[in-house]
């Protein structure tokens, strides 16, 4: 239970930084702080793309085990945390947070950017938390936070939980952005998470 609550809280604060401050520096520093707080409890994912990357994809495909169910609950906790943050921001400001909208004809480039930069974020996460070279050091939070700071400078979300939460807030407020836009922000980072998992496994093998 503690691990799921940690994922909810961490995603709440990360989403608050994204929606209320919208500064890459603030977003990276908040993730850095929450990474240190939650690393020993839940792994400090706060992002379904990282959860996908941190899980053994082959095991997920061949055996929907209790561990698989745990990661599904991670997704739920992350979405709840992000939703609470966005509703909180909406209550404070009267503004519904929504990512940049794209038409169906122009979503390919944003989708590729979401996938590519999420791949980088997830690959870095795996390298500093799983690789034997770094997992016993204390640099993981700094590196992960700085990586998010860097990719956030490009724009985008790179976090499907925030995208789903934004969709829920938009529907609640009676507003909407294009379905193509949500496809970019939800599925792009998940593709990146899967890619990072395979890249990490490939380069870590002797």
C-alpha atoms as a PDB file:
ATOM      1  CA  UNK A   1       0.000   0.000   0.000  1.00  0.00           C
ATOM      2  CA  UNK A   2       2.835   2.421   0.855  1.00  0.00           C
ATOM      3  CA  UNK A   3       4.407   2.075  -2.572  1.00  0.00           C
ATOM      4  CA  UNK A   4       1.178   2.971  -4.345  1.00  0.00           C
ATOM      5  CA  UNK A   5       0.578   5.933  -2.036  1.00  0.00           C
ATOM      6  CA  UNK A   6       4.124   7.124  -2.717  1.00  0.00           C
ATOM      7  CA  UNK A   7       3.519   6.942  -6.471  1.00  0.00           C
ATOM      8  CA  UNK A   8       0.309   8.950  -6.020  1.00  0.00           C
ATOM      9  CA  UNK A   9       2.003  11.634  -3.909  1.00  0.00           C
ATOM     10  CA  UNK A  10       5.074  11.874  -6.116  1.00  0.00           C
ATOM     11  CA  UNK A  11       3.010  12.174  -9.293  1.00  0.00           C
ATOM     12  CA  UNK A  12       0.853  14.810  -7.567  1.00  0.00           C
ATOM     13  CA  UNK A  13       3.832  17.069  -6.848  1.00  0.00           C
ATOM     14  CA  UNK A  14       5.411  16.466 -10.254  1.00  0.00           C
ATOM     15  CA  UNK A  15       2.141  17.345 -12.001  1.00  0.00           C
ATOM     16  CA  UNK A  16       1.740  20.407  -9.799  1.00  0.00           C
ATOM     17  CA  UNK A  17       5.119  21.649 -11.042  1.00  0.00           C
ATOM     18  CA  UNK A  18       4.138  20.953 -14.657  1.00  0.00           C
ATOM     19  CA  UNK A  19       0.708  22.595 -14.514  1.00  0.00           C
ATOM     20  CA  UNK A  20       1.205  25.458 -12.063  1.00  0.00           C
ATOM     21  CA  UNK A  21       4.799  26.576 -12.647  1.00  0.00           C
ATOM     22  CA  UNK A  22       5.572  25.122 -16.096  1.00  0.00           C
ATOM     23  CA  UNK A  23       9.286  25.783 -15.696  1.00  0.00           C
ATOM     24  CA  UNK A  24      11.688  23.036 -16.809  1.00  0.00           C
ATOM     25  CA  UNK A  25      13.963  23.914 -13.885  1.00  0.00           C
ATOM     26  CA  UNK A  26      11.159  23.589 -11.334  1.00  0.00           C
ATOM     27  CA  UNK A  27       9.893  20.375 -12.932  1.00  0.00           C
ATOM     28  CA  UNK A  28      13.356  18.809 -12.857  1.00  0.00           C
ATOM     29  CA  UNK A  29      14.020  19.866  -9.266  1.00  0.00           C
ATOM     30  CA  UNK A  30      10.671  18.533  -8.050  1.00  0.00           C
ATOM     31  CA  UNK A  31      11.344  15.188  -9.727  1.00  0.00           C
ATOM     32  CA  UNK A  32      14.823  15.167  -8.206  1.00  0.00           C
ATOM     33  CA  UNK A  33      13.401  15.695  -4.727  1.00  0.00           C
ATOM     34  CA  UNK A  34      10.666  13.095  -5.125  1.00  0.00           C
ATOM     35  CA  UNK A  35      13.128  10.606  -6.615  1.00  0.00           C
ATOM     36  CA  UNK A  36      15.130  10.674  -3.389  1.00  0.00           C
ATOM     37  CA  UNK A  37      12.012  10.531  -1.224  1.00  0.00           C
ATOM     38  CA  UNK A  38      10.385   7.646  -3.042  1.00  0.00           C
ATOM     39  CA  UNK A  39      13.238   5.588  -4.467  1.00  0.00           C
ATOM     40  CA  UNK A  40      13.366   3.216  -1.519  1.00  0.00           C
ATOM     41  CA  UNK A  41       9.598   2.912  -1.259  1.00  0.00           C
ATOM     42  CA  UNK A  42       8.185   2.543  -4.763  1.00  0.00           C
ATOM     43  CA  UNK A  43      11.165   3.037  -7.040  1.00  0.00           C
ATOM     44  CA  UNK A  44      10.180   6.660  -7.621  1.00  0.00           C
ATOM     45  CA  UNK A  45       8.575   6.216 -11.037  1.00  0.00           C
ATOM     46  CA  UNK A  46       5.789   8.864 -11.027  1.00  0.00           C
ATOM     47  CA  UNK A  47       5.344   8.164 -14.733  1.00  0.00           C
ATOM     48  CA  UNK A  48       3.730   5.180 -16.520  1.00  0.00           C
ATOM     49  CA  UNK A  49       6.450   5.305 -19.183  1.00  0.00           C
ATOM     50  CA  UNK A  50       9.115   4.685 -16.529  1.00  0.00           C
ATOM     51  CA  UNK A  51       6.955   1.968 -14.983  1.00  0.00           C
ATOM     52  CA  UNK A  52       6.777   0.234 -18.362  1.00  0.00           C
ATOM     53  CA  UNK A  53      10.534   0.618 -18.857  1.00  0.00           C
ATOM     54  CA  UNK A  54      11.323  -0.728 -15.385  1.00  0.00           C
ATOM     55  CA  UNK A  55       9.284  -3.857 -15.955  1.00  0.00           C
ATOM     56  CA  UNK A  56      10.365  -6.958 -17.867  1.00  0.00           C
ATOM     57  CA  UNK A  57       8.363  -6.596 -21.100  1.00  0.00           C
ATOM     58  CA  UNK A  58       8.741 -10.274 -22.005  1.00  0.00           C
ATOM     59  CA  UNK A  59       7.342 -11.334 -18.647  1.00  0.00           C
ATOM     60  CA  UNK A  60       4.404  -8.965 -19.089  1.00  0.00           C
ATOM     61  CA  UNK A  61       3.584 -10.480 -22.476  1.00  0.00           C
ATOM     62  CA  UNK A  62       3.890 -14.132 -21.446  1.00  0.00           C
ATOM     63  CA  UNK A  63       2.671 -14.104 -17.860  1.00  0.00           C
ATOM     64  CA  UNK A  64       0.243 -11.652 -16.302  1.00  0.00           C
ATOM     65  CA  UNK A  65       1.630 -12.337 -12.850  1.00  0.00           C
ATOM     66  CA  UNK A  66       0.956 -10.670  -9.524  1.00  0.00           C
ATOM     67  CA  UNK A  67       3.917  -8.418 -10.306  1.00  0.00           C
ATOM     68  CA  UNK A  68       2.168  -7.395 -13.526  1.00  0.00           C
ATOM     69  CA  UNK A  69      -0.918  -6.465 -11.520  1.00  0.00           C
ATOM     70  CA  UNK A  70       1.246  -4.395  -9.175  1.00  0.00           C
ATOM     71  CA  UNK A  71       2.441  -2.314 -12.092  1.00  0.00           C
ATOM     72  CA  UNK A  72      -1.124  -1.827 -13.303  1.00  0.00           C
ATOM     73  CA  UNK A  73      -1.944  -0.446  -9.861  1.00  0.00           C
ATOM     74  CA  UNK A  74       1.066   1.849 -10.249  1.00  0.00           C
ATOM     75  CA  UNK A  75      -0.577   3.268 -13.371  1.00  0.00           C
ATOM     76  CA  UNK A  76      -3.794   3.868 -11.456  1.00  0.00           C
ATOM     77  CA  UNK A  77      -2.000   5.575  -8.570  1.00  0.00           C
ATOM     78  CA  UNK A  78      -0.076   7.807 -10.955  1.00  0.00           C
ATOM     79  CA  UNK A  79      -3.238   8.858 -12.807  1.00  0.00           C
ATOM     80  CA  UNK A  80      -5.045   9.590  -9.523  1.00  0.00           C
ATOM     81  CA  UNK A  81      -2.117  11.683  -8.283  1.00  0.00           C
ATOM     82  CA  UNK A  82      -1.929  13.646 -11.527  1.00  0.00           C
ATOM     83  CA  UNK A  83      -5.703  14.154 -11.583  1.00  0.00           C
ATOM     84  CA  UNK A  84      -5.765  15.486  -8.019  1.00  0.00           C
ATOM     85  CA  UNK A  85      -3.008  17.953  -8.909  1.00  0.00           C
ATOM     86  CA  UNK A  86      -4.773  19.204 -12.040  1.00  0.00           C
ATOM     87  CA  UNK A  87      -8.109  19.589 -10.261  1.00  0.00           C
ATOM     88  CA  UNK A  88      -6.281  21.457  -7.492  1.00  0.00           C
ATOM     89  CA  UNK A  89      -4.701  23.818 -10.027  1.00  0.00           C
ATOM     90  CA  UNK A  90      -8.061  24.265 -11.741  1.00  0.00           C
ATOM     91  CA  UNK A  91      -9.626  25.196  -8.393  1.00  0.00           C
ATOM     92  CA  UNK A  92      -6.825  27.669  -7.600  1.00  0.00           C
ATOM     93  CA  UNK A  93      -6.591  29.378 -10.973  1.00  0.00           C
ATOM     94  CA  UNK A  94      -9.864  28.659 -12.755  1.00  0.00           C
ATOM     95  CA  UNK A  95      -7.788  27.451 -15.696  1.00  0.00           C
ATOM     96  CA  UNK A  96      -7.976  23.929 -17.085  1.00  0.00           C
ATOM     97  CA  UNK A  97      -4.488  22.625 -17.815  1.00  0.00           C
ATOM     98  CA  UNK A  98      -4.163  21.183 -21.300  1.00  0.00           C
ATOM     99  CA  UNK A  99      -1.094  20.307 -23.360  1.00  0.00           C
ATOM    100  CA  UNK A 100      -0.560  21.772 -26.806  1.00  0.00           C
ATOM    101  CA  UNK A 101      -3.147  20.570 -29.303  1.00  0.00           C
ATOM    102  CA  UNK A 102      -2.326  19.032 -32.683  1.00  0.00           C
ATOM    103  CA  UNK A 103      -4.472  18.245 -35.689  1.00  0.00           C
ATOM    104  CA  UNK A 104      -4.719  14.699 -36.971  1.00  0.00           C
ATOM    105  CA  UNK A 105      -2.563  15.677 -39.951  1.00  0.00           C
ATOM    106  CA  UNK A 106       0.330  17.037 -37.897  1.00  0.00           C
ATOM    107  CA  UNK A 107       0.656  14.617 -34.986  1.00  0.00           C
ATOM    108  CA  UNK A 108       3.486  12.448 -36.382  1.00  0.00           C
ATOM    109  CA  UNK A 109       6.364  14.770 -35.449  1.00  0.00           C
ATOM    110  CA  UNK A 110       5.073  15.484 -31.895  1.00  0.00           C
ATOM    111  CA  UNK A 111       4.449  11.748 -31.402  1.00  0.00           C
ATOM    112  CA  UNK A 112       8.029  10.973 -32.432  1.00  0.00           C
ATOM    113  CA  UNK A 113       9.390  13.676 -30.129  1.00  0.00           C
ATOM    114  CA  UNK A 114       7.377  12.369 -27.177  1.00  0.00           C
ATOM    115  CA  UNK A 115       8.557   8.821 -27.877  1.00  0.00           C
ATOM    116  CA  UNK A 116      12.215   9.736 -28.439  1.00  0.00           C
ATOM    117  CA  UNK A 117      12.612  12.009 -25.436  1.00  0.00           C
ATOM    118  CA  UNK A 118      10.682   9.617 -23.189  1.00  0.00           C
ATOM    119  CA  UNK A 119      13.076   6.906 -24.372  1.00  0.00           C
ATOM    120  CA  UNK A 120      15.980   9.036 -23.183  1.00  0.00           C
ATOM    121  CA  UNK A 121      14.361   9.730 -19.798  1.00  0.00           C
ATOM    122  CA  UNK A 122      13.482   6.079 -19.201  1.00  0.00           C
ATOM    123  CA  UNK A 123      16.864   4.830 -20.399  1.00  0.00           C
ATOM    124  CA  UNK A 124      18.618   7.200 -18.000  1.00  0.00           C
ATOM    125  CA  UNK A 125      16.331   6.045 -15.177  1.00  0.00           C
ATOM    126  CA  UNK A 126      17.193   2.385 -15.817  1.00  0.00           C
ATOM    127  CA  UNK A 127      20.905   3.139 -16.124  1.00  0.00           C
ATOM    128  CA  UNK A 128      21.218   4.942 -12.789  1.00  0.00           C
ATOM    129  CA  UNK A 129      18.814   2.734 -10.799  1.00  0.00           C
ATOM    130  CA  UNK A 130      19.396  -0.760 -12.216  1.00  0.00           C
ATOM    131  CA  UNK A 131      22.903  -0.815 -13.684  1.00  0.00           C
ATOM    132  CA  UNK A 132      25.535  -2.154 -11.293  1.00  0.00           C
ATOM    133  CA  UNK A 133      27.740   0.828 -12.168  1.00  0.00           C
ATOM    134  CA  UNK A 134      25.453   3.350 -10.467  1.00  0.00           C
ATOM    135  CA  UNK A 135      22.752   1.709  -8.349  1.00  0.00           C
ATOM    136  CA  UNK A 136      24.841   1.827  -5.158  1.00  0.00           C
ATOM    137  CA  UNK A 137      25.630   5.533  -5.596  1.00  0.00           C
ATOM    138  CA  UNK A 138      23.580   8.567  -4.566  1.00  0.00           C
ATOM    139  CA  UNK A 139      23.557  10.320  -7.942  1.00  0.00           C
ATOM    140  CA  UNK A 140      20.378   8.799  -9.355  1.00  0.00           C
ATOM    141  CA  UNK A 141      17.971  11.533  -8.261  1.00  0.00           C
ATOM    142  CA  UNK A 142      20.230  14.305  -9.569  1.00  0.00           C
ATOM    143  CA  UNK A 143      20.714  12.650 -12.954  1.00  0.00           C
ATOM    144  CA  UNK A 144      17.027  11.813 -13.427  1.00  0.00           C
ATOM    145  CA  UNK A 145      15.960  15.315 -12.398  1.00  0.00           C
ATOM    146  CA  UNK A 146      18.474  16.991 -14.711  1.00  0.00           C
ATOM    147  CA  UNK A 147      17.406  14.741 -17.585  1.00  0.00           C
ATOM    148  CA  UNK A 148      13.766  15.723 -17.169  1.00  0.00           C
ATOM    149  CA  UNK A 149      14.840  19.359 -16.883  1.00  0.00           C
ATOM    150  CA  UNK A 150      16.603  19.031 -20.208  1.00  0.00           C
ATOM    151  CA  UNK A 151      13.866  17.307 -22.166  1.00  0.00           C
ATOM    152  CA  UNK A 152      11.151  19.532 -20.647  1.00  0.00           C
ATOM    153  CA  UNK A 153      12.887  22.435 -22.379  1.00  0.00           C
ATOM    154  CA  UNK A 154      11.663  20.973 -25.672  1.00  0.00           C
ATOM    155  CA  UNK A 155       8.023  21.227 -24.544  1.00  0.00           C
ATOM    156  CA  UNK A 156       5.692  18.244 -24.250  1.00  0.00           C
ATOM    157  CA  UNK A 157       4.637  16.081 -21.328  1.00  0.00           C
ATOM    158  CA  UNK A 158       6.525  12.756 -21.551  1.00  0.00           C
ATOM    159  CA  UNK A 159       4.129  11.415 -18.913  1.00  0.00           C
ATOM    160  CA  UNK A 160       0.916   9.531 -19.840  1.00  0.00           C
ATOM    161  CA  UNK A 161      -0.505   9.941 -16.324  1.00  0.00           C
ATOM    162  CA  UNK A 162      -0.566  13.726 -16.745  1.00  0.00           C
ATOM    163  CA  UNK A 163      -2.099  13.331 -20.209  1.00  0.00           C
ATOM    164  CA  UNK A 164      -4.897  11.087 -18.918  1.00  0.00           C
ATOM    165  CA  UNK A 165      -5.496  13.452 -15.996  1.00  0.00           C
ATOM    166  CA  UNK A 166      -5.695  16.370 -18.411  1.00  0.00           C
ATOM    167  CA  UNK A 167      -8.224  14.462 -20.490  1.00  0.00           C
ATOM    168  CA  UNK A 168     -10.361  13.861 -17.399  1.00  0.00           C
ATOM    169  CA  UNK A 169     -10.184  17.548 -16.407  1.00  0.00           C
ATOM    170  CA  UNK A 170     -11.071  18.643 -19.939  1.00  0.00           C
ATOM    171  CA  UNK A 171     -14.106  16.371 -19.984  1.00  0.00           C
ATOM    172  CA  UNK A 172     -15.130  17.517 -16.494  1.00  0.00           C
ATOM    173  CA  UNK A 173     -14.938  21.172 -17.551  1.00  0.00           C
ATOM    174  CA  UNK A 174     -16.797  20.507 -20.788  1.00  0.00           C
ATOM    175  CA  UNK A 175     -13.799  21.357 -22.944  1.00  0.00           C
ATOM    176  CA  UNK A 176     -11.757  19.176 -25.235  1.00  0.00           C
ATOM    177  CA  UNK A 177      -8.674  18.991 -27.411  1.00  0.00           C
ATOM    178  CA  UNK A 178      -8.222  16.680 -30.366  1.00  0.00           C
ATOM    179  CA  UNK A 179      -8.030  12.922 -29.937  1.00  0.00           C
ATOM    180  CA  UNK A 180      -4.804  12.989 -31.970  1.00  0.00           C
ATOM    181  CA  UNK A 181      -3.227  15.199 -29.305  1.00  0.00           C
ATOM    182  CA  UNK A 182      -4.077  12.764 -26.524  1.00  0.00           C
ATOM    183  CA  UNK A 183      -2.715   9.902 -28.622  1.00  0.00           C
ATOM    184  CA  UNK A 184       0.572  11.805 -28.824  1.00  0.00           C
ATOM    185  CA  UNK A 185       0.837  12.419 -25.090  1.00  0.00           C
ATOM    186  CA  UNK A 186      -0.463   9.055 -23.882  1.00  0.00           C
ATOM    187  CA  UNK A 187       0.982   6.547 -26.334  1.00  0.00           C
ATOM    188  CA  UNK A 188       4.166   8.355 -27.397  1.00  0.00           C
ATOM    189  CA  UNK A 189       5.861   8.083 -23.980  1.00  0.00           C
ATOM    190  CA  UNK A 190       4.693   4.478 -23.545  1.00  0.00           C
ATOM    191  CA  UNK A 191       6.403   3.592 -26.822  1.00  0.00           C
ATOM    192  CA  UNK A 192       9.477   5.340 -25.451  1.00  0.00           C
ATOM    193  CA  UNK A 193       9.295   3.289 -22.253  1.00  0.00           C
ATOM    194  CA  UNK A 194       9.197   0.019 -24.186  1.00  0.00           C
ATOM    195  CA  UNK A 195      12.075   1.158 -26.415  1.00  0.00           C
ATOM    196  CA  UNK A 196      14.172   2.127 -23.393  1.00  0.00           C
ATOM    197  CA  UNK A 197      13.599  -1.278 -21.807  1.00  0.00           C
ATOM    198  CA  UNK A 198      14.899  -3.109 -24.863  1.00  0.00           C
ATOM    199  CA  UNK A 199      17.800  -0.681 -25.401  1.00  0.00           C
ATOM    200  CA  UNK A 200      18.905  -0.994 -21.788  1.00  0.00           C
ATOM    201  CA  UNK A 201      18.763  -4.801 -21.913  1.00  0.00           C
ATOM    202  CA  UNK A 202      20.666  -4.867 -25.210  1.00  0.00           C
ATOM    203  CA  UNK A 203      23.531  -2.648 -24.090  1.00  0.00           C
ATOM    204  CA  UNK A 204      23.803  -4.174 -20.615  1.00  0.00           C
ATOM    205  CA  UNK A 205      24.261  -7.699 -21.980  1.00  0.00           C
ATOM    206  CA  UNK A 206      27.846  -8.931 -22.251  1.00  0.00           C
END
